[in-house]
Amino acid sequence: MELGYTYWKDDGWFVGYLDEYPDYTTQGETLEEFEKMLRSLHEDIKTSDFPFIRKHGTLKIA
């Protein structure tokens, strides 16, 4: 599985979010640490009841 993410540098930290979940940001001192934190965030989102998680669905119209 591959997930897209958006990030930027802020005061020497890598900060960003998973593209599917822009309301939940994380950070790391290095890009590798940031990606580790993104993996952890994704696991938490998938296994916990996070508030206000926006889901995408499809609707078939006859």
N, C-alpha and C. Protein backbone atom coordinates (compact mmCIF):
# COMPACT_ATOMS: atom_id res chain seq x y z
N MET A 1 0.85 -1.17 0.00
CA MET A 1 0.00 0.00 0.00
C MET A 1 0.89 1.24 0.00
N GLU A 2 0.48 2.24 -0.72
CA GLU A 2 1.18 3.52 -0.73
C GLU A 2 0.20 4.62 -0.36
N LEU A 3 0.65 5.55 0.46
CA LEU A 3 -0.16 6.71 0.85
C LEU A 3 0.61 7.98 0.52
N GLY A 4 -0.09 8.95 -0.01
CA GLY A 4 0.54 10.23 -0.28
C GLY A 4 0.57 11.08 0.99
N TYR A 5 1.56 11.96 1.06
CA TYR A 5 1.63 12.88 2.17
C TYR A 5 2.18 14.22 1.72
N THR A 6 1.87 15.24 2.48
CA THR A 6 2.31 16.60 2.22
C THR A 6 3.16 17.03 3.40
N TYR A 7 4.29 17.69 3.12
CA TYR A 7 5.14 18.13 4.22
C TYR A 7 5.86 19.42 3.87
N TRP A 8 6.39 20.04 4.90
CA TRP A 8 7.19 21.26 4.77
C TRP A 8 8.15 21.32 5.95
N LYS A 9 9.15 22.19 5.85
CA LYS A 9 10.09 22.38 6.95
C LYS A 9 9.69 23.63 7.72
N ASP A 10 9.70 23.51 9.04
CA ASP A 10 9.33 24.61 9.92
C ASP A 10 10.31 24.62 11.09
N ASP A 11 11.15 25.62 11.16
CA ASP A 11 12.16 25.72 12.22
C ASP A 11 12.99 24.45 12.34
N GLY A 12 13.37 23.87 11.21
CA GLY A 12 14.22 22.69 11.22
C GLY A 12 13.48 21.37 11.37
N TRP A 13 12.17 21.40 11.54
CA TRP A 13 11.36 20.18 11.68
C TRP A 13 10.63 19.90 10.37
N PHE A 14 10.45 18.63 10.07
CA PHE A 14 9.59 18.21 8.98
C PHE A 14 8.18 18.08 9.56
N VAL A 15 7.24 18.81 9.00
CA VAL A 15 5.87 18.84 9.50
C VAL A 15 4.94 18.51 8.33
N GLY A 16 3.87 17.77 8.59
CA GLY A 16 2.95 17.47 7.52
C GLY A 16 1.87 16.50 7.92
N TYR A 17 1.21 15.94 6.91
CA TYR A 17 0.06 15.08 7.14
C TYR A 17 -0.11 14.10 6.00
N LEU A 18 -0.86 13.04 6.26
CA LEU A 18 -1.27 12.12 5.23
C LEU A 18 -2.34 12.82 4.39
N ASP A 19 -2.23 12.74 3.07
CA ASP A 19 -3.17 13.47 2.21
C ASP A 19 -4.62 13.11 2.47
N GLU A 20 -4.89 11.87 2.86
CA GLU A 20 -6.27 11.47 3.16
C GLU A 20 -6.79 12.06 4.47
N TYR A 21 -5.89 12.50 5.34
CA TYR A 21 -6.27 12.97 6.67
C TYR A 21 -5.56 14.29 6.99
N PRO A 22 -5.87 15.36 6.27
CA PRO A 22 -5.15 16.62 6.45
C PRO A 22 -5.37 17.29 7.81
N ASP A 23 -6.37 16.86 8.55
CA ASP A 23 -6.63 17.46 9.87
C ASP A 23 -5.67 16.96 10.94
N TYR A 24 -4.91 15.91 10.64
CA TYR A 24 -4.03 15.30 11.63
C TYR A 24 -2.57 15.44 11.19
N THR A 25 -1.85 16.36 11.81
CA THR A 25 -0.46 16.59 11.43
C THR A 25 0.48 15.89 12.40
N THR A 26 1.70 15.69 11.94
CA THR A 26 2.75 15.13 12.77
C THR A 26 4.06 15.78 12.36
N GLN A 27 5.13 15.46 13.08
CA GLN A 27 6.41 16.08 12.77
C GLN A 27 7.56 15.16 13.14
N GLY A 28 8.74 15.46 12.60
CA GLY A 28 9.95 14.73 12.92
C GLY A 28 11.16 15.60 12.65
N GLU A 29 12.25 15.31 13.34
CA GLU A 29 13.48 16.09 13.15
C GLU A 29 14.16 15.77 11.82
N THR A 30 13.96 14.55 11.32
CA THR A 30 14.49 14.15 10.02
C THR A 30 13.34 13.64 9.17
N LEU A 31 13.57 13.54 7.87
CA LEU A 31 12.53 13.02 6.99
C LEU A 31 12.21 11.57 7.36
N GLU A 32 13.22 10.81 7.73
CA GLU A 32 12.98 9.41 8.12
C GLU A 32 12.12 9.33 9.39
N GLU A 33 12.41 10.18 10.36
CA GLU A 33 11.61 10.20 11.59
C GLU A 33 10.19 10.66 11.29
N PHE A 34 10.06 11.66 10.43
CA PHE A 34 8.73 12.15 10.04
C PHE A 34 7.92 11.03 9.38
N GLU A 35 8.53 10.27 8.47
CA GLU A 35 7.82 9.17 7.82
C GLU A 35 7.45 8.08 8.84
N LYS A 36 8.30 7.84 9.82
CA LYS A 36 7.97 6.89 10.89
C LYS A 36 6.75 7.38 11.66
N MET A 37 6.70 8.66 11.94
CA MET A 37 5.56 9.23 12.67
C MET A 37 4.29 9.16 11.82
N LEU A 38 4.41 9.34 10.50
CA LEU A 38 3.25 9.20 9.62
C LEU A 38 2.71 7.77 9.65
N ARG A 39 3.62 6.79 9.65
CA ARG A 39 3.18 5.39 9.73
C ARG A 39 2.43 5.13 11.04
N SER A 40 2.96 5.67 12.11
CA SER A 40 2.32 5.52 13.43
C SER A 40 0.96 6.20 13.44
N LEU A 41 0.89 7.39 12.87
CA LEU A 41 -0.38 8.12 12.79
C LEU A 41 -1.40 7.31 12.00
N HIS A 42 -0.98 6.75 10.87
CA HIS A 42 -1.90 5.95 10.05
C HIS A 42 -2.42 4.75 10.83
N GLU A 43 -1.54 4.08 11.55
CA GLU A 43 -1.95 2.93 12.35
C GLU A 43 -2.97 3.36 13.42
N ASP A 44 -2.70 4.48 14.08
CA ASP A 44 -3.63 4.98 15.09
C ASP A 44 -4.99 5.31 14.49
N ILE A 45 -5.00 5.93 13.33
CA ILE A 45 -6.26 6.29 12.68
C ILE A 45 -7.04 5.04 12.32
N LYS A 46 -6.35 4.03 11.82
CA LYS A 46 -7.03 2.81 11.37
C LYS A 46 -7.51 1.94 12.54
N THR A 47 -6.89 2.04 13.71
CA THR A 47 -7.25 1.15 14.81
C THR A 47 -7.96 1.86 15.96
N SER A 48 -8.09 3.16 15.90
CA SER A 48 -8.71 3.91 16.99
C SER A 48 -9.92 4.67 16.48
N ASP A 49 -10.66 5.22 17.40
CA ASP A 49 -11.83 6.01 17.05
C ASP A 49 -11.46 7.49 17.11
N PHE A 50 -10.77 7.98 16.08
CA PHE A 50 -10.38 9.38 16.03
C PHE A 50 -11.60 10.24 15.74
N PRO A 51 -11.74 11.36 16.41
CA PRO A 51 -12.89 12.24 16.12
C PRO A 51 -12.72 12.96 14.79
N PHE A 52 -13.81 13.18 14.13
CA PHE A 52 -13.89 14.02 12.93
C PHE A 52 -13.09 13.50 11.74
N ILE A 53 -12.86 12.18 11.68
CA ILE A 53 -12.19 11.62 10.51
C ILE A 53 -13.16 11.70 9.34
N ARG A 54 -12.72 12.33 8.27
CA ARG A 54 -13.56 12.46 7.07
C ARG A 54 -13.31 11.25 6.19
N LYS A 55 -14.37 10.59 5.80
CA LYS A 55 -14.30 9.41 4.94
C LYS A 55 -14.84 9.78 3.57
N HIS A 56 -14.45 9.01 2.58
CA HIS A 56 -14.95 9.22 1.22
C HIS A 56 -15.78 8.03 0.81
N GLY A 57 -16.89 8.28 0.21
CA GLY A 57 -17.75 7.22 -0.27
C GLY A 57 -18.22 7.52 -1.69
N THR A 58 -18.91 6.59 -2.27
CA THR A 58 -19.51 6.80 -3.59
C THR A 58 -21.00 6.49 -3.50
N LEU A 59 -21.76 7.13 -4.31
CA LEU A 59 -23.20 6.96 -4.33
C LEU A 59 -23.62 6.65 -5.75
N LYS A 60 -24.32 5.53 -5.94
CA LYS A 60 -24.82 5.19 -7.27
C LYS A 60 -26.20 5.81 -7.44
N ILE A 61 -26.37 6.49 -8.53
CA ILE A 61 -27.64 7.13 -8.85
C ILE A 61 -28.24 6.38 -10.04
N ALA A 62 -29.47 5.95 -9.90
CA ALA A 62 -30.12 5.20 -10.98
C ALA A 62 -30.58 6.11 -12.09
